[in-house]
Amino acid sequence: MRRRPNLRVTTESGRTWDDPTEDYLFILLEDIDERDEEFLILERLGDASGQTYIQCRRNDEGRYLIERREGGPDRHYWTTAPDMRVAHELIASWAYNPTPRASAARWTKLRFG
C-alpha cells in the first residue's frame, strides 16, 4: 500500500513534488535565487484546515520574504532572511523538525484588512 505524502511543494511554474527532501528544497531555492522561479509554497497535507504552509519569494534586493500559516488567518506570520541559505534553514526546520527553529527568526503577525 502506498503511503500518502506529508508535504507538497509547488513552484511558480506549477510544478509540484510530494515529500521533497531537504536537499531538493535547497535546489528549488537555488531556482528562485537564479530567477528561474519566483516563489515556492510548501504545504502540510495532513492538516484538516488546508491552511498550514510556508511560502517564500526573493525580493529585488536579494532578501527572502517568508510567510508561514499555521491553520488560519489569525496564525499567519512573516519574516525575512538575508540569503538563500538562511531561508532554506527556516523552511527545512518548519518542514522536518518536530520543534521547528522557526521561533529562532523574528516572526511578525500578518494582519489582514
C-alpha atoms as a PDB file:
ATOM      1  CA  MET A   1       0.000   0.000   0.000  1.00  0.00           C
ATOM      2  CA  ARG A   2       1.347   3.390  -0.968  1.00  0.00           C
ATOM      3  CA  ARG A   3       1.881   5.939   1.790  1.00  0.00           C
ATOM      4  CA  ARG A   4       0.139   9.301   1.498  1.00  0.00           C
ATOM      5  CA  PRO A   5       2.551  12.230   1.254  1.00  0.00           C
ATOM      6  CA  ASN A   6       3.001  14.575   4.216  1.00  0.00           C
ATOM      7  CA  LEU A   7       4.343  17.585   2.326  1.00  0.00           C
ATOM      8  CA  ARG A   8       3.851  19.064  -1.125  1.00  0.00           C
ATOM      9  CA  VAL A   9       5.919  21.830  -2.667  1.00  0.00           C
ATOM     10  CA  THR A  10       4.627  23.916  -5.576  1.00  0.00           C
ATOM     11  CA  THR A  11       6.631  26.447  -7.576  1.00  0.00           C
ATOM     12  CA  GLU A  12       5.541  29.459  -9.612  1.00  0.00           C
ATOM     13  CA  SER A  13       5.605  27.381 -12.807  1.00  0.00           C
ATOM     14  CA  GLY A  14       3.043  24.989 -11.305  1.00  0.00           C
ATOM     15  CA  ARG A  15       5.403  22.067 -10.845  1.00  0.00           C
ATOM     16  CA  THR A  16       4.744  20.013  -7.704  1.00  0.00           C
ATOM     17  CA  TRP A  17       6.696  17.438  -5.697  1.00  0.00           C
ATOM     18  CA  ASP A  18       5.470  15.308  -2.827  1.00  0.00           C
ATOM     19  CA  ASP A  19       7.653  14.870   0.251  1.00  0.00           C
ATOM     20  CA  PRO A  20      10.682  16.754  -1.091  1.00  0.00           C
ATOM     21  CA  THR A  21      13.977  16.175   0.707  1.00  0.00           C
ATOM     22  CA  GLU A  22      15.882  18.993   2.399  1.00  0.00           C
ATOM     23  CA  ASP A  23      18.386  18.830  -0.449  1.00  0.00           C
ATOM     24  CA  TYR A  24      15.652  19.158  -3.051  1.00  0.00           C
ATOM     25  CA  LEU A  25      14.205  22.187  -1.258  1.00  0.00           C
ATOM     26  CA  PHE A  26      17.682  23.722  -1.483  1.00  0.00           C
ATOM     27  CA  ILE A  27      17.720  23.106  -5.248  1.00  0.00           C
ATOM     28  CA  LEU A  28      14.288  24.732  -5.596  1.00  0.00           C
ATOM     29  CA  LEU A  29      15.529  27.750  -3.632  1.00  0.00           C
ATOM     30  CA  GLU A  30      18.515  27.928  -5.994  1.00  0.00           C
ATOM     31  CA  ASP A  31      15.979  28.247  -8.830  1.00  0.00           C
ATOM     32  CA  ILE A  32      14.481  31.242  -7.014  1.00  0.00           C
ATOM     33  CA  ASP A  33      17.937  32.686  -6.358  1.00  0.00           C
ATOM     34  CA  GLU A  34      18.771  32.393 -10.072  1.00  0.00           C
ATOM     35  CA  ARG A  35      15.368  33.906 -11.006  1.00  0.00           C
ATOM     36  CA  ASP A  36      14.204  30.747 -12.805  1.00  0.00           C
ATOM     37  CA  GLU A  37      11.245  30.649 -10.400  1.00  0.00           C
ATOM     38  CA  GLU A  38       9.556  33.454  -8.449  1.00  0.00           C
ATOM     39  CA  PHE A  39       8.298  31.556  -5.393  1.00  0.00           C
ATOM     40  CA  LEU A  40       7.606  28.233  -3.724  1.00  0.00           C
ATOM     41  CA  ILE A  41       4.865  27.067  -1.368  1.00  0.00           C
ATOM     42  CA  LEU A  42       5.368  24.081   0.936  1.00  0.00           C
ATOM     43  CA  GLU A  43       2.137  22.659   2.382  1.00  0.00           C
ATOM     44  CA  ARG A  44       1.424  20.184   5.172  1.00  0.00           C
ATOM     45  CA  LEU A  45      -1.082  17.855   3.531  1.00  0.00           C
ATOM     46  CA  GLY A  46      -2.368  16.192   6.698  1.00  0.00           C
ATOM     47  CA  ASP A  47      -3.738  19.407   8.175  1.00  0.00           C
ATOM     48  CA  ALA A  48      -7.545  19.449   8.201  1.00  0.00           C
ATOM     49  CA  SER A  49      -7.694  23.232   7.709  1.00  0.00           C
ATOM     50  CA  GLY A  50      -5.778  23.076   4.424  1.00  0.00           C
ATOM     51  CA  GLN A  51      -4.085  26.276   5.574  1.00  0.00           C
ATOM     52  CA  THR A  52      -0.807  25.102   7.046  1.00  0.00           C
ATOM     53  CA  TYR A  53       2.071  26.096   4.812  1.00  0.00           C
ATOM     54  CA  ILE A  54       5.240  28.091   4.441  1.00  0.00           C
ATOM     55  CA  GLN A  55       5.988  30.125   1.332  1.00  0.00           C
ATOM     56  CA  CYS A  56       8.980  32.031   0.084  1.00  0.00           C
ATOM     57  CA  ARG A  57       9.955  34.570  -2.578  1.00  0.00           C
ATOM     58  CA  ARG A  58      13.064  36.673  -3.215  1.00  0.00           C
ATOM     59  CA  ASN A  59      12.781  40.450  -3.429  1.00  0.00           C
ATOM     60  CA  ASP A  60      14.771  42.736  -5.732  1.00  0.00           C
ATOM     61  CA  GLU A  61      17.370  43.391  -3.023  1.00  0.00           C
ATOM     62  CA  GLY A  62      18.126  39.663  -2.712  1.00  0.00           C
ATOM     63  CA  ARG A  63      16.393  39.126   0.642  1.00  0.00           C
ATOM     64  CA  TYR A  64      13.859  36.343   1.055  1.00  0.00           C
ATOM     65  CA  LEU A  65      10.342  37.056   2.286  1.00  0.00           C
ATOM     66  CA  ILE A  66       8.988  34.013   4.128  1.00  0.00           C
ATOM     67  CA  GLU A  67       5.417  33.602   5.323  1.00  0.00           C
ATOM     68  CA  ARG A  68       4.035  30.747   7.372  1.00  0.00           C
ATOM     69  CA  ARG A  69       0.450  29.980   8.198  1.00  0.00           C
ATOM     70  CA  GLU A  70      -0.498  27.592  10.969  1.00  0.00           C
ATOM     71  CA  GLY A  71      -4.139  26.822  10.201  1.00  0.00           C
ATOM     72  CA  GLY A  72      -5.877  30.142   9.610  1.00  0.00           C
ATOM     73  CA  PRO A  73      -5.541  33.891   9.070  1.00  0.00           C
ATOM     74  CA  ASP A  74      -5.196  34.528  12.807  1.00  0.00           C
ATOM     75  CA  ARG A  75      -1.983  32.454  12.745  1.00  0.00           C
ATOM     76  CA  HIS A  76      -0.223  33.926   9.707  1.00  0.00           C
ATOM     77  CA  TYR A  77       3.315  35.307  10.182  1.00  0.00           C
ATOM     78  CA  TRP A  78       6.140  36.690   8.085  1.00  0.00           C
ATOM     79  CA  THR A  79       9.864  37.262   8.368  1.00  0.00           C
ATOM     80  CA  THR A  80      12.794  37.939   6.079  1.00  0.00           C
ATOM     81  CA  ALA A  81      16.013  36.033   5.549  1.00  0.00           C
ATOM     82  CA  PRO A  82      19.171  37.754   4.302  1.00  0.00           C
ATOM     83  CA  ASP A  83      20.027  34.999   1.825  1.00  0.00           C
ATOM     84  CA  MET A  84      19.033  31.660   0.357  1.00  0.00           C
ATOM     85  CA  ARG A  85      20.856  29.560   2.966  1.00  0.00           C
ATOM     86  CA  VAL A  86      19.045  31.170   5.888  1.00  0.00           C
ATOM     87  CA  ALA A  87      15.742  30.872   4.000  1.00  0.00           C
ATOM     88  CA  HIS A  88      16.458  27.171   3.469  1.00  0.00           C
ATOM     89  CA  GLU A  89      17.253  26.678   7.158  1.00  0.00           C
ATOM     90  CA  LEU A  90      13.936  28.246   8.215  1.00  0.00           C
ATOM     91  CA  ILE A  91      11.859  26.354   5.641  1.00  0.00           C
ATOM     92  CA  ALA A  92      13.546  22.996   6.290  1.00  0.00           C
ATOM     93  CA  SER A  93      13.211  23.457  10.039  1.00  0.00           C
ATOM     94  CA  TRP A  94       9.480  24.136   9.666  1.00  0.00           C
ATOM     95  CA  ALA A  95       9.080  21.086   7.411  1.00  0.00           C
ATOM     96  CA  TYR A  96      11.184  18.420   9.104  1.00  0.00           C
ATOM     97  CA  ASN A  97      11.680  19.209  12.779  1.00  0.00           C
ATOM     98  CA  PRO A  98       9.059  18.408  15.401  1.00  0.00           C
ATOM     99  CA  THR A  99      10.110  21.581  17.243  1.00  0.00           C
ATOM    100  CA  PRO A 100      10.909  23.926  14.362  1.00  0.00           C
ATOM    101  CA  ARG A 101      13.579  26.563  14.665  1.00  0.00           C
ATOM    102  CA  ALA A 102      11.066  28.950  13.134  1.00  0.00           C
ATOM    103  CA  SER A 103      10.966  30.566  16.551  1.00  0.00           C
ATOM    104  CA  ALA A 104      14.649  31.483  16.087  1.00  0.00           C
ATOM    105  CA  ALA A 105      13.586  34.042  13.473  1.00  0.00           C
ATOM    106  CA  ARG A 106      11.769  37.230  14.321  1.00  0.00           C
ATOM    107  CA  TRP A 107       8.259  36.471  13.083  1.00  0.00           C
ATOM    108  CA  THR A 108       5.678  39.251  12.762  1.00  0.00           C
ATOM    109  CA  LYS A 109       1.966  38.548  12.718  1.00  0.00           C
ATOM    110  CA  LEU A 110       0.464  39.400   9.334  1.00  0.00           C
ATOM    111  CA  ARG A 111      -2.675  41.492   9.681  1.00  0.00           C
ATOM    112  CA  PHE A 112      -5.406  41.370   7.062  1.00  0.00           C
ATOM    113  CA  GLY A 113      -7.833  44.150   6.259  1.00  0.00           C
END
